[in-house]
Structure formats: C-alpha cells, structure tokens
Amino acid sequence: MTDVPSHLNTADILQILSYLPHRYPFLLIDRIIDMDGDNSCIGIKNVTFNEPQFQGHFPVRPLFPGVYMIEGMAQTAGALCVASQIAEKARPKEVYFMTIDKVKFRKPVEPGDVVHYHMTKLANRRNMWWFRGEAKVNGTLVCEAELSAMLVVE
C-alpha cells in the first residue's frame, strides 16, 4: 500500500538544473509539477519554434522529434529519482538512462504545443528504477513508453 502524500511538490527550472547535468539545448523539461514522493510526477516542456532542432526537422512542417519526447520522459523520471534521493540525504553522482520499451508515437507535436510528461514509477530495486511514461498535449496522448534508469551513488 502506498502512503498518500500530505502535499504534492514542484520543481522549477533552477531545481531541475541542480538535479540533472543536462543544459541547453539538451535540457528538455521546463518545470515539474505534482511530484508525489518517488511515485509519480508531471514534467512540462514548452515547445517553441526557436529551438535548434526545427531548422532541420522539418523546415516545411516543423515537428518535435519523437526521440526528444522520449528523452524528456527520461529527464523527468531522472529528476524525480534524484529529488527523492536528496530527500533521503543520499544524492546520486549520476543518473543513467538504461532501457526503453513499448514506445508508441501517436500524434505529431508542433511548435506552440505544451507537452506534459506523466511519469509513474513501476518498480524500484536498489539503484534501478522503472517508469511508465505518457506524453500528452492538451490531454491527448501523443507518445508512450516504459523506461528504466540507474542511479550511481558515491
């Protein structure tokens, strides 16, 4: 049985920068909301036309690359893992993206869209974490996947 949290936490961009090593142009989340311990959270990505990938993907009809959505899910899950470990006073040295399964791309994402990465923990054993992710735009599922991460603790 999972304990019900007394409140849901958020992480602004400065907190995300402290959790993850990624920086522009590869930091693919802008905010995290509804952090329920290490169980779930929602990462937010504001897709804007001035991002460098739109110069080549695709100039006539710019589309947010599917692999970027997967990476956004991984970053959201990784930040959740790190935040939960910091709360337990055991800051990990690194977070590594390990596996990805059951990926489905449902609809294209375009500049101007706001992507919500709904990440839910499936399991956690020692330093390994498994998550299910759903990317949504305006409540519509655009991508889904299962992924795993490994925390390296000093």
N, C-alpha and C. Protein backbone atom coordinates (compact mmCIF):
# COMPACT_ATOMS: atom_id res chain seq x y z
N MET A 1 0.84 -1.19 0.00
CA MET A 1 0.00 0.00 0.00
C MET A 1 0.88 1.24 0.00
N THR A 2 0.55 2.21 -0.82
CA THR A 2 1.31 3.44 -0.93
C THR A 2 0.74 4.49 0.00
N ASP A 3 1.63 5.19 0.69
CA ASP A 3 1.18 6.27 1.55
C ASP A 3 0.67 7.42 0.71
N VAL A 4 -0.35 8.09 1.17
CA VAL A 4 -0.88 9.25 0.48
C VAL A 4 -0.06 10.46 0.92
N PRO A 5 0.51 11.22 -0.02
CA PRO A 5 1.35 12.35 0.38
C PRO A 5 0.51 13.45 1.01
N SER A 6 1.15 14.22 1.91
CA SER A 6 0.43 15.33 2.52
C SER A 6 0.30 16.50 1.55
N HIS A 7 1.22 16.58 0.59
CA HIS A 7 1.14 17.60 -0.45
C HIS A 7 1.98 17.15 -1.65
N LEU A 8 1.72 17.75 -2.78
CA LEU A 8 2.48 17.45 -3.99
C LEU A 8 3.51 18.56 -4.20
N ASN A 9 4.73 18.18 -4.54
CA ASN A 9 5.80 19.15 -4.73
C ASN A 9 5.95 19.52 -6.19
N THR A 10 6.70 20.60 -6.42
CA THR A 10 7.04 21.05 -7.76
C THR A 10 8.54 21.29 -7.83
N ALA A 11 9.07 21.39 -9.03
CA ALA A 11 10.46 21.77 -9.24
C ALA A 11 10.51 22.78 -10.37
N ASP A 12 11.05 23.96 -10.08
CA ASP A 12 11.20 24.96 -11.14
C ASP A 12 12.50 24.68 -11.89
N ILE A 13 12.80 25.51 -12.87
CA ILE A 13 13.96 25.26 -13.73
C ILE A 13 15.26 25.24 -12.94
N LEU A 14 15.40 26.08 -11.91
CA LEU A 14 16.64 26.09 -11.13
C LEU A 14 16.82 24.79 -10.35
N GLN A 15 15.74 24.25 -9.82
CA GLN A 15 15.84 22.95 -9.14
C GLN A 15 16.16 21.84 -10.14
N ILE A 16 15.54 21.87 -11.31
CA ILE A 16 15.82 20.85 -12.33
C ILE A 16 17.30 20.91 -12.71
N LEU A 17 17.84 22.11 -12.88
CA LEU A 17 19.26 22.25 -13.21
C LEU A 17 20.16 21.67 -12.12
N SER A 18 19.70 21.72 -10.88
CA SER A 18 20.50 21.15 -9.79
C SER A 18 20.38 19.62 -9.74
N TYR A 19 19.30 19.06 -10.30
CA TYR A 19 19.09 17.61 -10.30
C TYR A 19 19.78 16.92 -11.47
N LEU A 20 19.80 17.59 -12.63
CA LEU A 20 20.26 16.95 -13.87
C LEU A 20 21.51 17.64 -14.43
N PRO A 21 22.36 16.90 -15.14
CA PRO A 21 23.53 17.52 -15.75
C PRO A 21 23.23 18.20 -17.10
N HIS A 22 22.04 17.99 -17.65
CA HIS A 22 21.69 18.50 -18.98
C HIS A 22 21.59 20.03 -18.97
N ARG A 23 21.99 20.61 -20.10
CA ARG A 23 21.89 22.05 -20.30
C ARG A 23 21.40 22.31 -21.72
N TYR A 24 21.03 23.56 -22.00
CA TYR A 24 20.59 23.94 -23.34
C TYR A 24 21.66 23.53 -24.34
N PRO A 25 21.30 22.97 -25.47
CA PRO A 25 19.95 22.77 -25.99
C PRO A 25 19.36 21.40 -25.66
N PHE A 26 19.98 20.66 -24.74
CA PHE A 26 19.51 19.30 -24.49
C PHE A 26 18.69 19.13 -23.22
N LEU A 27 18.48 20.18 -22.44
CA LEU A 27 17.55 20.09 -21.32
C LEU A 27 16.15 20.21 -21.89
N LEU A 28 15.35 19.16 -21.76
CA LEU A 28 14.07 19.08 -22.47
C LEU A 28 12.85 19.13 -21.57
N ILE A 29 13.02 19.65 -20.35
CA ILE A 29 11.88 19.91 -19.47
C ILE A 29 12.07 21.30 -18.86
N ASP A 30 10.96 21.99 -18.65
CA ASP A 30 11.00 23.35 -18.12
C ASP A 30 10.53 23.44 -16.68
N ARG A 31 9.71 22.48 -16.26
CA ARG A 31 9.14 22.50 -14.91
C ARG A 31 8.64 21.11 -14.61
N ILE A 32 8.58 20.78 -13.32
CA ILE A 32 7.97 19.52 -12.89
C ILE A 32 6.92 19.87 -11.85
N ILE A 33 5.74 19.28 -12.02
CA ILE A 33 4.64 19.52 -11.08
C ILE A 33 4.14 18.19 -10.54
N ASP A 34 3.34 18.28 -9.51
CA ASP A 34 2.65 17.11 -8.93
C ASP A 34 3.61 15.97 -8.59
N MET A 35 4.75 16.31 -7.97
CA MET A 35 5.71 15.27 -7.55
C MET A 35 5.16 14.58 -6.31
N ASP A 36 4.81 13.32 -6.45
CA ASP A 36 4.25 12.51 -5.37
C ASP A 36 5.36 11.59 -4.84
N GLY A 37 6.21 12.13 -3.95
CA GLY A 37 7.34 11.35 -3.45
C GLY A 37 8.18 10.87 -4.63
N ASP A 38 8.45 9.55 -4.68
CA ASP A 38 9.15 9.00 -5.84
C ASP A 38 8.20 8.17 -6.71
N ASN A 39 6.90 8.34 -6.50
CA ASN A 39 5.90 7.54 -7.21
C ASN A 39 5.52 8.08 -8.58
N SER A 40 5.36 9.39 -8.70
CA SER A 40 4.92 9.95 -9.98
C SER A 40 5.16 11.45 -10.01
N CYS A 41 5.10 12.00 -11.22
CA CYS A 41 5.20 13.44 -11.40
C CYS A 41 4.82 13.77 -12.84
N ILE A 42 4.73 15.06 -13.12
CA ILE A 42 4.44 15.53 -14.47
C ILE A 42 5.50 16.56 -14.84
N GLY A 43 6.26 16.26 -15.90
CA GLY A 43 7.23 17.21 -16.43
C GLY A 43 6.58 18.02 -17.54
N ILE A 44 6.94 19.28 -17.63
CA ILE A 44 6.35 20.16 -18.64
C ILE A 44 7.43 20.67 -19.58
N LYS A 45 7.15 20.59 -20.89
CA LYS A 45 8.04 21.10 -21.93
C LYS A 45 7.24 22.04 -22.81
N ASN A 46 7.67 23.30 -22.86
CA ASN A 46 7.07 24.28 -23.77
C ASN A 46 7.84 24.22 -25.08
N VAL A 47 7.20 23.75 -26.12
CA VAL A 47 7.86 23.58 -27.42
C VAL A 47 7.79 24.91 -28.17
N THR A 48 8.97 25.47 -28.49
CA THR A 48 9.00 26.76 -29.18
C THR A 48 9.74 26.64 -30.51
N PHE A 49 9.34 27.44 -31.46
CA PHE A 49 9.89 27.37 -32.81
C PHE A 49 11.38 27.73 -32.87
N ASN A 50 11.87 28.51 -31.92
CA ASN A 50 13.26 28.96 -31.98
C ASN A 50 14.25 27.91 -31.47
N GLU A 51 13.81 26.69 -31.20
CA GLU A 51 14.72 25.63 -30.77
C GLU A 51 15.48 25.10 -31.99
N PRO A 52 16.76 24.71 -31.79
CA PRO A 52 17.60 24.37 -32.94
C PRO A 52 17.15 23.18 -33.77
N GLN A 53 16.44 22.22 -33.20
CA GLN A 53 16.04 21.04 -33.99
C GLN A 53 15.06 21.38 -35.10
N PHE A 54 14.36 22.50 -35.00
CA PHE A 54 13.39 22.83 -36.03
C PHE A 54 14.02 23.36 -37.32
N GLN A 55 15.32 23.64 -37.30
CA GLN A 55 15.99 24.04 -38.54
C GLN A 55 16.05 22.88 -39.52
N GLY A 56 16.07 21.65 -39.01
CA GLY A 56 16.18 20.51 -39.91
C GLY A 56 15.10 19.47 -39.75
N HIS A 57 14.15 19.66 -38.83
CA HIS A 57 13.13 18.62 -38.57
C HIS A 57 11.75 19.27 -38.45
N PHE A 58 11.08 19.54 -39.39
CA PHE A 58 11.38 19.66 -40.81
C PHE A 58 11.13 21.10 -41.19
N PRO A 59 11.92 21.71 -42.09
CA PRO A 59 11.75 23.13 -42.38
C PRO A 59 10.37 23.51 -42.90
N VAL A 60 9.74 22.65 -43.70
CA VAL A 60 8.43 22.97 -44.26
C VAL A 60 7.31 22.78 -43.24
N ARG A 61 7.41 21.72 -42.42
CA ARG A 61 6.43 21.49 -41.35
C ARG A 61 7.20 21.05 -40.11
N PRO A 62 7.57 22.00 -39.26
CA PRO A 62 8.38 21.66 -38.09
C PRO A 62 7.64 20.73 -37.13
N LEU A 63 8.31 19.61 -36.80
CA LEU A 63 7.77 18.64 -35.86
C LEU A 63 8.80 18.39 -34.75
N PHE A 64 8.32 18.30 -33.53
CA PHE A 64 9.19 17.99 -32.40
C PHE A 64 9.59 16.52 -32.52
N PRO A 65 10.89 16.22 -32.57
CA PRO A 65 11.33 14.83 -32.78
C PRO A 65 10.85 13.89 -31.68
N GLY A 66 10.40 12.71 -32.09
CA GLY A 66 9.94 11.71 -31.13
C GLY A 66 11.00 11.32 -30.13
N VAL A 67 12.25 11.23 -30.56
CA VAL A 67 13.32 10.87 -29.62
C VAL A 67 13.48 11.93 -28.54
N TYR A 68 13.14 13.18 -28.85
CA TYR A 68 13.19 14.23 -27.84
C TYR A 68 12.09 14.03 -26.80
N MET A 69 10.95 13.52 -27.23
CA MET A 69 9.89 13.23 -26.25
C MET A 69 10.33 12.12 -25.31
N ILE A 70 10.97 11.10 -25.86
CA ILE A 70 11.47 10.01 -25.02
C ILE A 70 12.51 10.55 -24.04
N GLU A 71 13.41 11.38 -24.52
CA GLU A 71 14.43 11.97 -23.64
C GLU A 71 13.78 12.87 -22.59
N GLY A 72 12.74 13.60 -22.96
CA GLY A 72 12.00 14.41 -21.98
C GLY A 72 11.39 13.56 -20.89
N MET A 73 10.86 12.40 -21.26
CA MET A 73 10.34 11.46 -20.27
C MET A 73 11.47 11.00 -19.34
N ALA A 74 12.61 10.64 -19.94
CA ALA A 74 13.74 10.15 -19.16
C ALA A 74 14.25 11.23 -18.21
N GLN A 75 14.32 12.46 -18.67
CA GLN A 75 14.78 13.55 -17.81
C GLN A 75 13.80 13.80 -16.67
N THR A 76 12.51 13.74 -16.97
CA THR A 76 11.51 13.92 -15.92
C THR A 76 11.64 12.83 -14.86
N ALA A 77 11.74 11.58 -15.29
CA ALA A 77 11.89 10.46 -14.36
C ALA A 77 13.20 10.57 -13.59
N GLY A 78 14.28 10.94 -14.28
CA GLY A 78 15.58 11.08 -13.62
C GLY A 78 15.56 12.15 -12.55
N ALA A 79 14.93 13.28 -12.84
CA ALA A 79 14.82 14.35 -11.85
C ALA A 79 14.01 13.89 -10.64
N LEU A 80 12.96 13.11 -10.87
CA LEU A 80 12.16 12.58 -9.77
C LEU A 80 13.00 11.66 -8.89
N CYS A 81 13.79 10.79 -9.51
CA CYS A 81 14.68 9.89 -8.76
C CYS A 81 15.66 10.67 -7.90
N VAL A 82 16.32 11.65 -8.51
CA VAL A 82 17.31 12.45 -7.79
C VAL A 82 16.66 13.21 -6.65
N ALA A 83 15.52 13.83 -6.91
CA ALA A 83 14.82 14.59 -5.86
C ALA A 83 14.46 13.69 -4.69
N SER A 84 14.01 12.48 -4.97
CA SER A 84 13.63 11.58 -3.88
C SER A 84 14.85 11.12 -3.09
N GLN A 85 15.99 10.94 -3.77
CA GLN A 85 17.21 10.54 -3.08
C GLN A 85 17.77 11.68 -2.23
N ILE A 86 17.68 12.91 -2.73
CA ILE A 86 18.13 14.07 -1.95
C ILE A 86 17.31 14.18 -0.68
N ALA A 87 16.00 13.92 -0.80
CA ALA A 87 15.13 13.96 0.38
C ALA A 87 15.57 12.94 1.42
N GLU A 88 16.19 11.84 0.96
CA GLU A 88 16.68 10.81 1.87
C GLU A 88 18.16 11.02 2.22
N LYS A 89 18.72 12.18 1.84
CA LYS A 89 20.12 12.54 2.14
C LYS A 89 21.14 11.64 1.45
N ALA A 90 20.84 11.16 0.26
CA ALA A 90 21.76 10.28 -0.48
C ALA A 90 21.84 10.74 -1.92
N ARG A 91 22.41 11.91 -2.15
CA ARG A 91 22.46 12.48 -3.51
C ARG A 91 23.25 11.58 -4.45
N PRO A 92 22.64 11.14 -5.56
CA PRO A 92 23.36 10.31 -6.53
C PRO A 92 24.39 11.14 -7.30
N LYS A 93 25.46 10.47 -7.71
CA LYS A 93 26.50 11.12 -8.50
C LYS A 93 26.05 11.29 -9.94
N GLU A 94 25.39 10.28 -10.49
CA GLU A 94 24.93 10.29 -11.88
C GLU A 94 23.60 9.55 -11.99
N VAL A 95 22.86 9.85 -13.05
CA VAL A 95 21.65 9.11 -13.41
C VAL A 95 21.82 8.68 -14.85
N TYR A 96 21.69 7.39 -15.11
CA TYR A 96 21.86 6.88 -16.47
C TYR A 96 20.55 6.30 -16.98
N PHE A 97 20.20 6.66 -18.22
CA PHE A 97 19.06 6.12 -18.94
C PHE A 97 19.47 4.72 -19.39
N MET A 98 18.74 3.68 -18.99
CA MET A 98 19.17 2.31 -19.24
C MET A 98 18.39 1.59 -20.34
N THR A 99 17.06 1.59 -20.26
CA THR A 99 16.28 0.84 -21.25
C THR A 99 15.05 1.64 -21.66
N ILE A 100 14.52 1.25 -22.81
CA ILE A 100 13.26 1.81 -23.28
C ILE A 100 12.50 0.71 -23.99
N ASP A 101 11.22 0.58 -23.67
CA ASP A 101 10.36 -0.46 -24.24
C ASP A 101 8.98 0.11 -24.53
N LYS A 102 8.26 -0.61 -25.37
CA LYS A 102 6.85 -0.34 -25.64
C LYS A 102 6.59 1.11 -26.06
N VAL A 103 7.45 1.63 -26.92
CA VAL A 103 7.31 3.01 -27.39
C VAL A 103 6.26 3.08 -28.49
N LYS A 104 5.40 4.07 -28.38
CA LYS A 104 4.41 4.33 -29.42
C LYS A 104 4.28 5.83 -29.58
N PHE A 105 4.40 6.28 -30.83
CA PHE A 105 4.18 7.68 -31.15
C PHE A 105 2.77 7.78 -31.74
N ARG A 106 1.93 8.60 -31.15
CA ARG A 106 0.52 8.65 -31.53
C ARG A 106 0.15 9.83 -32.42
N LYS A 107 0.70 11.01 -32.12
CA LYS A 107 0.36 12.22 -32.86
C LYS A 107 1.58 13.12 -32.91
N PRO A 108 1.72 13.93 -33.97
CA PRO A 108 2.86 14.85 -34.02
C PRO A 108 2.73 15.99 -33.01
N VAL A 109 3.88 16.49 -32.58
CA VAL A 109 3.94 17.64 -31.68
C VAL A 109 4.61 18.77 -32.45
N GLU A 110 4.02 19.96 -32.37
CA GLU A 110 4.48 21.10 -33.16
C GLU A 110 4.86 22.26 -32.25
N PRO A 111 5.63 23.23 -32.81
CA PRO A 111 5.92 24.43 -32.04
C PRO A 111 4.62 25.08 -31.55
N GLY A 112 4.66 25.55 -30.32
CA GLY A 112 3.47 26.13 -29.71
C GLY A 112 2.76 25.17 -28.77
N ASP A 113 3.04 23.86 -28.92
CA ASP A 113 2.44 22.87 -28.04
C ASP A 113 3.14 22.86 -26.68
N VAL A 114 2.39 22.46 -25.66
CA VAL A 114 2.95 22.24 -24.33
C VAL A 114 2.80 20.76 -24.04
N VAL A 115 3.93 20.08 -23.87
CA VAL A 115 3.93 18.63 -23.63
C VAL A 115 3.98 18.39 -22.13
N HIS A 116 3.10 17.52 -21.65
CA HIS A 116 3.09 17.09 -20.25
C HIS A 116 3.54 15.64 -20.21
N TYR A 117 4.68 15.39 -19.54
CA TYR A 117 5.21 14.03 -19.39
C TYR A 117 4.71 13.46 -18.08
N HIS A 118 3.73 12.57 -18.16
CA HIS A 118 3.17 11.92 -16.97
C HIS A 118 4.00 10.66 -16.69
N MET A 119 4.80 10.70 -15.64
CA MET A 119 5.69 9.59 -15.31
C MET A 119 5.23 8.91 -14.03
N THR A 120 5.11 7.59 -14.09
CA THR A 120 4.67 6.79 -12.95
C THR A 120 5.66 5.67 -12.70
N LYS A 121 6.12 5.57 -11.46
CA LYS A 121 7.08 4.52 -11.11
C LYS A 121 6.40 3.17 -11.15
N LEU A 122 7.01 2.22 -11.85
CA LEU A 122 6.53 0.85 -11.89
C LEU A 122 7.20 0.01 -10.81
N ALA A 123 8.51 0.23 -10.62
CA ALA A 123 9.27 -0.54 -9.63
C ALA A 123 10.57 0.19 -9.31
N ASN A 124 11.17 -0.20 -8.21
CA ASN A 124 12.46 0.34 -7.79
C ASN A 124 13.16 -0.73 -6.96
N ARG A 125 14.34 -1.14 -7.43
CA ARG A 125 15.15 -2.10 -6.68
C ARG A 125 16.57 -1.56 -6.59
N ARG A 126 17.01 -1.34 -5.38
CA ARG A 126 18.32 -0.76 -5.12
C ARG A 126 18.50 0.51 -5.92
N ASN A 127 19.43 0.50 -6.89
CA ASN A 127 19.70 1.72 -7.66
C ASN A 127 19.02 1.73 -9.04
N MET A 128 18.14 0.76 -9.31
CA MET A 128 17.42 0.69 -10.59
C MET A 128 15.96 1.15 -10.40
N TRP A 129 15.49 1.91 -11.37
CA TRP A 129 14.12 2.45 -11.35
C TRP A 129 13.46 2.18 -12.70
N TRP A 130 12.19 1.79 -12.68
CA TRP A 130 11.41 1.55 -13.89
C TRP A 130 10.19 2.46 -13.87
N PHE A 131 9.90 3.08 -15.01
CA PHE A 131 8.80 4.04 -15.13
C PHE A 131 7.96 3.77 -16.36
N ARG A 132 6.70 4.16 -16.28
CA ARG A 132 5.81 4.23 -17.43
C ARG A 132 5.57 5.69 -17.69
N GLY A 133 5.69 6.09 -18.95
CA GLY A 133 5.50 7.49 -19.30
C GLY A 133 4.46 7.68 -20.37
N GLU A 134 3.71 8.75 -20.24
CA GLU A 134 2.75 9.17 -21.26
C GLU A 134 2.98 10.65 -21.53
N ALA A 135 3.22 11.00 -22.77
CA ALA A 135 3.33 12.40 -23.17
C ALA A 135 1.98 12.84 -23.71
N LYS A 136 1.49 13.97 -23.20
CA LYS A 136 0.18 14.46 -23.62
C LYS A 136 0.27 15.93 -24.00
N VAL A 137 -0.52 16.30 -25.01
CA VAL A 137 -0.70 17.70 -25.41
C VAL A 137 -2.18 17.98 -25.33
N ASN A 138 -2.56 18.96 -24.54
CA ASN A 138 -3.97 19.29 -24.33
C ASN A 138 -4.79 18.06 -23.95
N GLY A 139 -4.20 17.17 -23.14
CA GLY A 139 -4.89 15.98 -22.67
C GLY A 139 -4.91 14.82 -23.66
N THR A 140 -4.38 15.02 -24.86
CA THR A 140 -4.35 13.97 -25.88
C THR A 140 -3.00 13.25 -25.84
N LEU A 141 -3.05 11.92 -25.79
CA LEU A 141 -1.83 11.12 -25.77
C LEU A 141 -1.09 11.25 -27.09
N VAL A 142 0.19 11.67 -27.03
CA VAL A 142 1.00 11.81 -28.24
C VAL A 142 2.14 10.80 -28.29
N CYS A 143 2.53 10.25 -27.13
CA CYS A 143 3.63 9.29 -27.08
C CYS A 143 3.53 8.53 -25.76
N GLU A 144 3.96 7.28 -25.77
CA GLU A 144 4.01 6.50 -24.54
C GLU A 144 5.20 5.56 -24.58
N ALA A 145 5.72 5.21 -23.39
CA ALA A 145 6.88 4.32 -23.33
C ALA A 145 7.08 3.84 -21.89
N GLU A 146 7.84 2.77 -21.77
CA GLU A 146 8.35 2.31 -20.48
C GLU A 146 9.86 2.46 -20.53
N LEU A 147 10.45 2.97 -19.47
CA LEU A 147 11.89 3.18 -19.45
C LEU A 147 12.46 2.87 -18.07
N SER A 148 13.78 2.72 -18.03
CA SER A 148 14.45 2.48 -16.75
C SER A 148 15.67 3.38 -16.64
N ALA A 149 16.04 3.62 -15.39
CA ALA A 149 17.20 4.46 -15.08
C ALA A 149 17.99 3.79 -13.97
N MET A 150 19.28 4.11 -13.95
CA MET A 150 20.15 3.61 -12.89
C MET A 150 20.81 4.81 -12.21
N LEU A 151 20.76 4.84 -10.88
CA LEU A 151 21.42 5.89 -10.12
C LEU A 151 22.77 5.38 -9.68
N VAL A 152 23.80 6.20 -9.84
CA VAL A 152 25.13 5.88 -9.36
C VAL A 152 25.35 6.72 -8.11
N VAL A 153 25.46 6.04 -6.98
CA VAL A 153 25.63 6.73 -5.70
C VAL A 153 27.09 6.62 -5.30
N GLU A 154 27.64 7.71 -4.81
CA GLU A 154 29.05 7.72 -4.39
C GLU A 154 29.29 6.83 -3.20
